[in-house]
Structure formats: C-alpha cells, structure tokens
C-alpha cells in the first residue's frame, strides 16, 4: 500500500481500499491528495487509525465525501458517484 496519508511517525495504521469509479477520479484524504481512484484501488493507502475525511472528485460527477473511522486492519470504501444532471 502507498505511504501514509496522515503525517504521523508513530501509532497504528490502517489500510484503506477503494472500490468504484470513475477510475480517473481524484482521491483526497484529510485534504491531502493521494492519487487517482484506479491507482488507489490497485495499491490502497495507509492512514493513522482514527477518523478521516475521504473525498473523491471527478469532472461530470457530484463529489463523494465521507467521514470514515479507520479501526480495522483494512477498511474497504465503496465509492458510488452520481452523474451531474445535464
């Protein structure tokens, strides 16, 4: 999994995995850009255990915003983005 999104040299970490689309959507955790959704789906990302704000944005879609409590060894976040109306 990728480097830690939360800057903490100590303490337990949790792996976040994302599932959904669109693949080019941009993933942000705690206001830190971590990469495109397709890359994060493939490799995951590690964060410090605790509460985090997860955002996924893509052109033509409403933003996906969630507060997650990362406690388990791996937390899978289903990303369900809705198209903007025409």
PDB file of N, CA and C in Angstrom:
ATOM      1  N   UNK A   1       0.831  -1.177   0.000  1.00  0.00           N
ATOM      2  CA  UNK A   1       0.000   0.000   0.000  1.00  0.00           C
ATOM      3  C   UNK A   1       0.871   1.234   0.000  1.00  0.00           C
ATOM      4  N   UNK A   2       0.293   2.317  -0.409  1.00  0.00           N
ATOM      5  CA  UNK A   2       1.033   3.573  -0.540  1.00  0.00           C
ATOM      6  C   UNK A   2       1.424   4.111   0.814  1.00  0.00           C
ATOM      7  N   UNK A   3       2.188   5.193   0.804  1.00  0.00           N
ATOM      8  CA  UNK A   3       2.617   5.847   2.031  1.00  0.00           C
ATOM      9  C   UNK A   3       1.449   6.340   2.853  1.00  0.00           C
ATOM     10  N   UNK A   4       1.744   6.728   4.053  1.00  0.00           N
ATOM     11  CA  UNK A   4       0.726   7.153   5.000  1.00  0.00           C
ATOM     12  C   UNK A   4       0.201   8.532   4.646  1.00  0.00           C
ATOM     13  N   UNK A   5      -1.114   8.674   4.518  1.00  0.00           N
ATOM     14  CA  UNK A   5      -1.708   9.965   4.188  1.00  0.00           C
ATOM     15  C   UNK A   5      -1.653  10.918   5.367  1.00  0.00           C
ATOM     16  N   UNK A   6      -1.753  10.398   6.565  1.00  0.00           N
ATOM     17  CA  UNK A   6      -1.671  11.238   7.758  1.00  0.00           C
ATOM     18  C   UNK A   6      -0.223  11.250   8.234  1.00  0.00           C
ATOM     19  N   UNK A   7       0.318  12.408   8.461  1.00  0.00           N
ATOM     20  CA  UNK A   7       1.734  12.534   8.826  1.00  0.00           C
ATOM     21  C   UNK A   7       1.946  12.220  10.296  1.00  0.00           C
ATOM     22  N   UNK A   8       2.159  10.960  10.615  1.00  0.00           N
ATOM     23  CA  UNK A   8       2.407  10.549  11.996  1.00  0.00           C
ATOM     24  C   UNK A   8       3.474   9.471  11.995  1.00  0.00           C
ATOM     25  N   UNK A   9       4.589   9.715  12.665  1.00  0.00           N
ATOM     26  CA  UNK A   9       5.658   8.723  12.656  1.00  0.00           C
ATOM     27  C   UNK A   9       5.363   7.524  13.544  1.00  0.00           C
ATOM     28  N   UNK A  10       4.395   7.633  14.454  1.00  0.00           N
ATOM     29  CA  UNK A  10       4.106   6.533  15.361  1.00  0.00           C
ATOM     30  C   UNK A  10       2.620   6.247  15.385  1.00  0.00           C
ATOM     31  N   UNK A  11       2.274   5.129  15.994  1.00  0.00           N
ATOM     32  CA  UNK A  11       0.869   4.758  16.140  1.00  0.00           C
ATOM     33  C   UNK A  11       0.449   3.768  15.082  1.00  0.00           C
ATOM     34  N   UNK A  12      -0.649   3.045  15.364  1.00  0.00           N
ATOM     35  CA  UNK A  12      -1.120   2.037  14.417  1.00  0.00           C
ATOM     36  C   UNK A  12      -1.659   2.671  13.141  1.00  0.00           C
ATOM     37  N   UNK A  13      -1.517   1.944  12.040  1.00  0.00           N
ATOM     38  CA  UNK A  13      -2.063   2.405  10.771  1.00  0.00           C
ATOM     39  C   UNK A  13      -3.078   1.393  10.255  1.00  0.00           C
ATOM     40  N   UNK A  14      -3.921   1.874   9.365  1.00  0.00           N
ATOM     41  CA  UNK A  14      -4.989   1.074   8.770  1.00  0.00           C
ATOM     42  C   UNK A  14      -4.878   1.219   7.259  1.00  0.00           C
ATOM     43  N   UNK A  15      -5.088   0.124   6.540  1.00  0.00           N
ATOM     44  CA  UNK A  15      -5.105   0.171   5.087  1.00  0.00           C
ATOM     45  C   UNK A  15      -6.490   0.547   4.588  1.00  0.00           C
ATOM     46  N   UNK A  16      -6.560   1.539   3.711  1.00  0.00           N
ATOM     47  CA  UNK A  16      -7.819   1.903   3.067  1.00  0.00           C
ATOM     48  C   UNK A  16      -7.789   1.394   1.639  1.00  0.00           C
ATOM     49  N   UNK A  17      -8.869   0.750   1.231  1.00  0.00           N
ATOM     50  CA  UNK A  17      -9.031   0.272  -0.139  1.00  0.00           C
ATOM     51  C   UNK A  17     -10.308   0.896  -0.676  1.00  0.00           C
ATOM     52  N   UNK A  18     -10.314   1.269  -1.925  1.00  0.00           N
ATOM     53  CA  UNK A  18     -11.462   1.898  -2.557  1.00  0.00           C
ATOM     54  C   UNK A  18     -11.973   1.009  -3.676  1.00  0.00           C
ATOM     55  N   UNK A  19     -13.279   1.007  -3.881  1.00  0.00           N
ATOM     56  CA  UNK A  19     -13.904   0.273  -4.981  1.00  0.00           C
ATOM     57  C   UNK A  19     -14.935   1.188  -5.605  1.00  0.00           C
ATOM     58  N   UNK A  20     -14.920   1.318  -6.917  1.00  0.00           N
ATOM     59  CA  UNK A  20     -15.919   2.147  -7.587  1.00  0.00           C
ATOM     60  C   UNK A  20     -15.337   2.877  -8.768  1.00  0.00           C
ATOM     61  N   UNK A  21     -15.951   3.973  -9.109  1.00  0.00           N
ATOM     62  CA  UNK A  21     -15.477   4.719 -10.256  1.00  0.00           C
ATOM     63  C   UNK A  21     -16.090   6.097 -10.285  1.00  0.00           C
ATOM     64  N   UNK A  22     -15.666   6.893 -11.258  1.00  0.00           N
ATOM     65  CA  UNK A  22     -14.841   6.561 -12.409  1.00  0.00           C
ATOM     66  C   UNK A  22     -13.358   6.419 -12.038  1.00  0.00           C
ATOM     67  N   UNK A  23     -12.610   5.664 -12.826  1.00  0.00           N
ATOM     68  CA  UNK A  23     -11.221   5.369 -12.472  1.00  0.00           C
ATOM     69  C   UNK A  23     -10.308   6.592 -12.407  1.00  0.00           C
ATOM     70  N   UNK A  24     -10.631   7.649 -13.149  1.00  0.00           N
ATOM     71  CA  UNK A  24      -9.783   8.842 -13.152  1.00  0.00           C
ATOM     72  C   UNK A  24     -10.125   9.822 -12.033  1.00  0.00           C
ATOM     73  N   UNK A  25     -11.088   9.488 -11.200  1.00  0.00           N
ATOM     74  CA  UNK A  25     -11.473  10.372 -10.089  1.00  0.00           C
ATOM     75  C   UNK A  25     -10.277  10.610  -9.174  1.00  0.00           C
ATOM     76  N   UNK A  26     -10.233  11.783  -8.561  1.00  0.00           N
ATOM     77  CA  UNK A  26      -9.129  12.174  -7.684  1.00  0.00           C
ATOM     78  C   UNK A  26      -9.500  11.905  -6.229  1.00  0.00           C
ATOM     79  N   UNK A  27      -8.637  11.189  -5.503  1.00  0.00           N
ATOM     80  CA  UNK A  27      -8.881  10.822  -4.110  1.00  0.00           C
ATOM     81  C   UNK A  27      -8.090  11.756  -3.192  1.00  0.00           C
ATOM     82  N   UNK A  28      -8.776  12.277  -2.174  1.00  0.00           N
ATOM     83  CA  UNK A  28      -8.172  13.138  -1.164  1.00  0.00           C
ATOM     84  C   UNK A  28      -8.529  12.583   0.203  1.00  0.00           C
ATOM     85  N   UNK A  29      -7.557  12.502   1.097  1.00  0.00           N
ATOM     86  CA  UNK A  29      -7.805  12.062   2.467  1.00  0.00           C
ATOM     87  C   UNK A  29      -7.283  13.148   3.397  1.00  0.00           C
ATOM     88  N   UNK A  30      -8.170  13.674   4.240  1.00  0.00           N
ATOM     89  CA  UNK A  30      -7.800  14.748   5.173  1.00  0.00           C
ATOM     90  C   UNK A  30      -7.123  15.902   4.439  1.00  0.00           C
ATOM     91  N   UNK A  31      -7.698  16.295   3.296  1.00  0.00           N
ATOM     92  CA  UNK A  31      -7.206  17.411   2.475  1.00  0.00           C
ATOM     93  C   UNK A  31      -5.820  17.180   1.879  1.00  0.00           C
ATOM     94  N   UNK A  32      -5.386  15.916   1.804  1.00  0.00           N
ATOM     95  CA  UNK A  32      -4.120  15.562   1.165  1.00  0.00           C
ATOM     96  C   UNK A  32      -4.440  14.712  -0.067  1.00  0.00           C
ATOM     97  N   UNK A  33      -4.038  15.182  -1.254  1.00  0.00           N
ATOM     98  CA  UNK A  33      -4.271  14.431  -2.486  1.00  0.00           C
ATOM     99  C   UNK A  33      -3.424  13.160  -2.461  1.00  0.00           C
ATOM    100  N   UNK A  34      -4.074  12.004  -2.701  1.00  0.00           N
ATOM    101  CA  UNK A  34      -3.344  10.743  -2.656  1.00  0.00           C
ATOM    102  C   UNK A  34      -3.264  10.043  -4.018  1.00  0.00           C
ATOM    103  N   UNK A  35      -4.006  10.526  -5.029  1.00  0.00           N
ATOM    104  CA  UNK A  35      -3.881   9.954  -6.360  1.00  0.00           C
ATOM    105  C   UNK A  35      -5.206   9.631  -7.007  1.00  0.00           C
ATOM    106  N   UNK A  36      -5.141   9.119  -8.249  1.00  0.00           N
ATOM    107  CA  UNK A  36      -6.361   8.733  -8.959  1.00  0.00           C
ATOM    108  C   UNK A  36      -6.968   7.463  -8.370  1.00  0.00           C
ATOM    109  N   UNK A  37      -8.280   7.375  -8.440  1.00  0.00           N
ATOM    110  CA  UNK A  37      -9.010   6.253  -7.850  1.00  0.00           C
ATOM    111  C   UNK A  37      -8.516   4.908  -8.362  1.00  0.00           C
ATOM    112  N   UNK A  38      -8.249   4.780  -9.669  1.00  0.00           N
ATOM    113  CA  UNK A  38      -7.817   3.483 -10.204  1.00  0.00           C
ATOM    114  C   UNK A  38      -6.499   3.033  -9.576  1.00  0.00           C
ATOM    115  N   UNK A  39      -5.609   3.974  -9.280  1.00  0.00           N
ATOM    116  CA  UNK A  39      -4.337   3.628  -8.647  1.00  0.00           C
ATOM    117  C   UNK A  39      -4.546   3.240  -7.176  1.00  0.00           C
ATOM    118  N   UNK A  40      -5.399   3.977  -6.485  1.00  0.00           N
ATOM    119  CA  UNK A  40      -5.666   3.689  -5.074  1.00  0.00           C
ATOM    120  C   UNK A  40      -6.426   2.367  -4.948  1.00  0.00           C
ATOM    121  N   UNK A  41      -7.299   2.048  -5.912  1.00  0.00           N
ATOM    122  CA  UNK A  41      -7.970   0.743  -5.913  1.00  0.00           C
ATOM    123  C   UNK A  41      -6.943  -0.382  -5.985  1.00  0.00           C
ATOM    124  N   UNK A  42      -5.933  -0.189  -6.810  1.00  0.00           N
ATOM    125  CA  UNK A  42      -4.915  -1.213  -7.042  1.00  0.00           C
ATOM    126  C   UNK A  42      -3.981  -1.402  -5.847  1.00  0.00           C
ATOM    127  N   UNK A  43      -3.502  -0.308  -5.266  1.00  0.00           N
ATOM    128  CA  UNK A  43      -2.460  -0.432  -4.243  1.00  0.00           C
ATOM    129  C   UNK A  43      -2.895  -0.054  -2.841  1.00  0.00           C
ATOM    130  N   UNK A  44      -4.045   0.629  -2.694  1.00  0.00           N
ATOM    131  CA  UNK A  44      -4.507   1.051  -1.373  1.00  0.00           C
ATOM    132  C   UNK A  44      -3.667   2.195  -0.830  1.00  0.00           C
ATOM    133  N   UNK A  45      -3.998   2.624   0.359  1.00  0.00           N
ATOM    134  CA  UNK A  45      -3.269   3.686   1.034  1.00  0.00           C
ATOM    135  C   UNK A  45      -3.364   3.433   2.535  1.00  0.00           C
ATOM    136  N   UNK A  46      -2.340   3.796   3.277  1.00  0.00           N
ATOM    137  CA  UNK A  46      -2.337   3.599   4.727  1.00  0.00           C
ATOM    138  C   UNK A  46      -2.548   4.941   5.417  1.00  0.00           C
ATOM    139  N   UNK A  47      -3.353   4.919   6.474  1.00  0.00           N
ATOM    140  CA  UNK A  47      -3.612   6.110   7.280  1.00  0.00           C
ATOM    141  C   UNK A  47      -3.465   5.748   8.749  1.00  0.00           C
ATOM    142  N   UNK A  48      -3.267   6.735   9.565  1.00  0.00           N
ATOM    143  CA  UNK A  48      -3.240   6.539  11.008  1.00  0.00           C
ATOM    144  C   UNK A  48      -4.639   6.088  11.446  1.00  0.00           C
ATOM    145  N   UNK A  49      -4.725   5.171  12.384  1.00  0.00           N
ATOM    146  CA  UNK A  49      -6.022   4.719  12.892  1.00  0.00           C
ATOM    147  C   UNK A  49      -6.776   5.927  13.437  1.00  0.00           C
ATOM    148  N   UNK A  50      -8.094   5.947  13.207  1.00  0.00           N
ATOM    149  CA  UNK A  50      -8.923   7.043  13.697  1.00  0.00           C
ATOM    150  C   UNK A  50      -9.869   7.551  12.628  1.00  0.00           C
ATOM    151  N   UNK A  51     -10.398   8.737  12.846  1.00  0.00           N
ATOM    152  CA  UNK A  51     -11.406   9.325  11.970  1.00  0.00           C
ATOM    153  C   UNK A  51     -10.723  10.159  10.880  1.00  0.00           C
ATOM    154  N   UNK A  52     -11.185   9.963   9.624  1.00  0.00           N
ATOM    155  CA  UNK A  52     -10.618  10.668   8.475  1.00  0.00           C
ATOM    156  C   UNK A  52     -11.730  11.109   7.536  1.00  0.00           C
ATOM    157  N   UNK A  53     -11.482  12.220   6.833  1.00  0.00           N
ATOM    158  CA  UNK A  53     -12.398  12.701   5.794  1.00  0.00           C
ATOM    159  C   UNK A  53     -11.870  12.226   4.451  1.00  0.00           C
ATOM    160  N   UNK A  54     -12.697  11.484   3.728  1.00  0.00           N
ATOM    161  CA  UNK A  54     -12.337  10.939   2.421  1.00  0.00           C
ATOM    162  C   UNK A  54     -13.174  11.659   1.371  1.00  0.00           C
ATOM    163  N   UNK A  55     -12.522  12.194   0.352  1.00  0.00           N
ATOM    164  CA  UNK A  55     -13.216  12.863  -0.747  1.00  0.00           C
ATOM    165  C   UNK A  55     -12.746  12.277  -2.070  1.00  0.00           C
ATOM    166  N   UNK A  56     -13.699  12.121  -2.993  1.00  0.00           N
ATOM    167  CA  UNK A  56     -13.375  11.664  -4.343  1.00  0.00           C
ATOM    168  C   UNK A  56     -14.101  12.607  -5.296  1.00  0.00           C
ATOM    169  N   UNK A  57     -13.365  13.179  -6.248  1.00  0.00           N
ATOM    170  CA  UNK A  57     -13.949  14.135  -7.181  1.00  0.00           C
ATOM    171  C   UNK A  57     -13.594  13.766  -8.611  1.00  0.00           C
ATOM    172  N   UNK A  58     -14.553  13.988  -9.515  1.00  0.00           N
ATOM    173  CA  UNK A  58     -14.334  13.743 -10.938  1.00  0.00           C
ATOM    174  C   UNK A  58     -15.207  14.696 -11.727  1.00  0.00           C
ATOM    175  N   UNK A  59     -14.708  15.141 -12.862  1.00  0.00           N
ATOM    176  CA  UNK A  59     -15.487  16.016 -13.730  1.00  0.00           C
ATOM    177  C   UNK A  59     -16.770  15.307 -14.144  1.00  0.00           C
ATOM    178  N   UNK A  60     -17.905  16.028 -14.084  1.00  0.00           N
ATOM    179  CA  UNK A  60     -19.191  15.476 -14.501  1.00  0.00           C
ATOM    180  C   UNK A  60     -19.913  14.687 -13.425  1.00  0.00           C
ATOM    181  N   UNK A  61     -19.354  14.644 -12.192  1.00  0.00           N
ATOM    182  CA  UNK A  61     -19.959  13.894 -11.092  1.00  0.00           C
ATOM    183  C   UNK A  61     -20.070  14.771  -9.849  1.00  0.00           C
ATOM    184  N   UNK A  62     -21.098  14.495  -9.045  1.00  0.00           N
ATOM    185  CA  UNK A  62     -21.155  15.107  -7.734  1.00  0.00           C
ATOM    186  C   UNK A  62     -19.984  14.578  -6.914  1.00  0.00           C
ATOM    187  N   UNK A  63     -19.386  15.395  -6.042  1.00  0.00           N
ATOM    188  CA  UNK A  63     -18.293  14.902  -5.184  1.00  0.00           C
ATOM    189  C   UNK A  63     -18.793  13.813  -4.237  1.00  0.00           C
ATOM    190  N   UNK A  64     -17.924  12.894  -3.912  1.00  0.00           N
ATOM    191  CA  UNK A  64     -18.190  11.835  -2.929  1.00  0.00           C
ATOM    192  C   UNK A  64     -17.402  12.217  -1.685  1.00  0.00           C
ATOM    193  N   UNK A  65     -18.084  12.453  -0.588  1.00  0.00           N
ATOM    194  CA  UNK A  65     -17.460  12.865   0.669  1.00  0.00           C
ATOM    195  C   UNK A  65     -17.956  11.977   1.793  1.00  0.00           C
ATOM    196  N   UNK A  66     -17.028  11.425   2.568  1.00  0.00           N
ATOM    197  CA  UNK A  66     -17.410  10.576   3.694  1.00  0.00           C
ATOM    198  C   UNK A  66     -16.451  10.803   4.852  1.00  0.00           C
ATOM    199  N   UNK A  67     -16.978  10.656   6.047  1.00  0.00           N
ATOM    200  CA  UNK A  67     -16.156  10.588   7.247  1.00  0.00           C
ATOM    201  C   UNK A  67     -16.075   9.102   7.584  1.00  0.00           C
ATOM    202  N   UNK A  68     -14.866   8.574   7.694  1.00  0.00           N
ATOM    203  CA  UNK A  68     -14.689   7.153   7.991  1.00  0.00           C
ATOM    204  C   UNK A  68     -13.900   7.003   9.284  1.00  0.00           C
ATOM    205  N   UNK A  69     -14.215   5.946  10.015  1.00  0.00           N
ATOM    206  CA  UNK A  69     -13.478   5.610  11.221  1.00  0.00           C
ATOM    207  C   UNK A  69     -12.634   4.388  10.903  1.00  0.00           C
ATOM    208  N   UNK A  70     -11.351   4.601  10.711  1.00  0.00           N
ATOM    209  CA  UNK A  70     -10.418   3.536  10.333  1.00  0.00           C
ATOM    210  C   UNK A  70      -9.954   2.819  11.589  1.00  0.00           C
ATOM    211  N   UNK A  71     -10.549   1.661  11.855  1.00  0.00           N
ATOM    212  CA  UNK A  71     -10.189   0.883  13.046  1.00  0.00           C
ATOM    213  C   UNK A  71      -9.693  -0.508  12.705  1.00  0.00           C
ATOM    214  N   UNK A  72     -10.246  -1.119  11.648  1.00  0.00           N
ATOM    215  CA  UNK A  72      -9.877  -2.490  11.280  1.00  0.00           C
ATOM    216  C   UNK A  72      -8.536  -2.491  10.567  1.00  0.00           C
ATOM    217  N   UNK A  73      -7.977  -3.662  10.340  1.00  0.00           N
ATOM    218  CA  UNK A  73      -6.697  -3.778   9.633  1.00  0.00           C
ATOM    219  C   UNK A  73      -6.803  -3.209   8.220  1.00  0.00           C
ATOM    220  N   UNK A  74      -7.953  -3.453   7.552  1.00  0.00           N
ATOM    221  CA  UNK A  74      -8.210  -2.923   6.221  1.00  0.00           C
ATOM    222  C   UNK A  74      -9.665  -2.468   6.171  1.00  0.00           C
ATOM    223  N   UNK A  75      -9.885  -1.281   5.658  1.00  0.00           N
ATOM    224  CA  UNK A  75     -11.233  -0.735   5.504  1.00  0.00           C
ATOM    225  C   UNK A  75     -11.485  -0.533   4.021  1.00  0.00           C
ATOM    226  N   UNK A  76     -12.545  -1.169   3.489  1.00  0.00           N
ATOM    227  CA  UNK A  76     -12.905  -1.023   2.083  1.00  0.00           C
ATOM    228  C   UNK A  76     -14.001   0.033   1.990  1.00  0.00           C
ATOM    229  N   UNK A  77     -13.780   1.045   1.140  1.00  0.00           N
ATOM    230  CA  UNK A  77     -14.730   2.142   0.975  1.00  0.00           C
ATOM    231  C   UNK A  77     -15.342   2.045  -0.416  1.00  0.00           C
ATOM    232  N   UNK A  78     -16.653   1.735  -0.487  1.00  0.00           N
ATOM    233  CA  UNK A  78     -17.305   1.708  -1.793  1.00  0.00           C
ATOM    234  C   UNK A  78     -17.605   3.137  -2.252  1.00  0.00           C
ATOM    235  N   UNK A  79     -17.101   3.514  -3.415  1.00  0.00           N
ATOM    236  CA  UNK A  79     -17.292   4.864  -3.950  1.00  0.00           C
ATOM    237  C   UNK A  79     -18.410   4.808  -4.995  1.00  0.00           C
ATOM    238  N   UNK A  80     -19.534   5.444  -4.672  1.00  0.00           N
ATOM    239  CA  UNK A  80     -20.685   5.481  -5.569  1.00  0.00           C
ATOM    240  C   UNK A  80     -20.916   6.936  -5.958  1.00  0.00           C
ATOM    241  N   UNK A  81     -20.418   7.312  -7.115  1.00  0.00           N
ATOM    242  CA  UNK A  81     -20.545   8.696  -7.580  1.00  0.00           C
ATOM    243  C   UNK A  81     -21.740   8.832  -8.509  1.00  0.00           C
ATOM    244  N   UNK A  82     -22.441   9.951  -8.353  1.00  0.00           N
ATOM    245  CA  UNK A  82     -23.631  10.223  -9.163  1.00  0.00           C
ATOM    246  C   UNK A  82     -23.300  11.270 -10.227  1.00  0.00           C
ATOM    247  N   UNK A  83     -23.768  11.023 -11.460  1.00  0.00           N
ATOM    248  CA  UNK A  83     -23.547  11.981 -12.554  1.00  0.00           C
ATOM    249  C   UNK A  83     -24.274  13.291 -12.249  1.00  0.00           C
ATOM    250  N   UNK A  84     -23.660  14.404 -12.649  1.00  0.00           N
ATOM    251  CA  UNK A  84     -24.334  15.691 -12.585  1.00  0.00           C
ATOM    252  C   UNK A  84     -25.433  15.716 -13.650  1.00  0.00           C
ATOM    253  N   UNK A  85     -26.559  16.359 -13.370  1.00  0.00           N
ATOM    254  CA  UNK A  85     -27.608  16.428 -14.402  1.00  0.00           C
ATOM    255  C   UNK A  85     -27.141  17.266 -15.593  1.00  0.00           C
ATOM    256  N   UNK A  86     -27.688  16.951 -16.755  1.00  0.00           N
ATOM    257  CA  UNK A  86     -27.323  17.710 -17.989  1.00  0.00           C
ATOM    258  C   UNK A  86     -27.895  19.087 -17.968  1.00  0.00           C
TER     259      UNK A  86
END
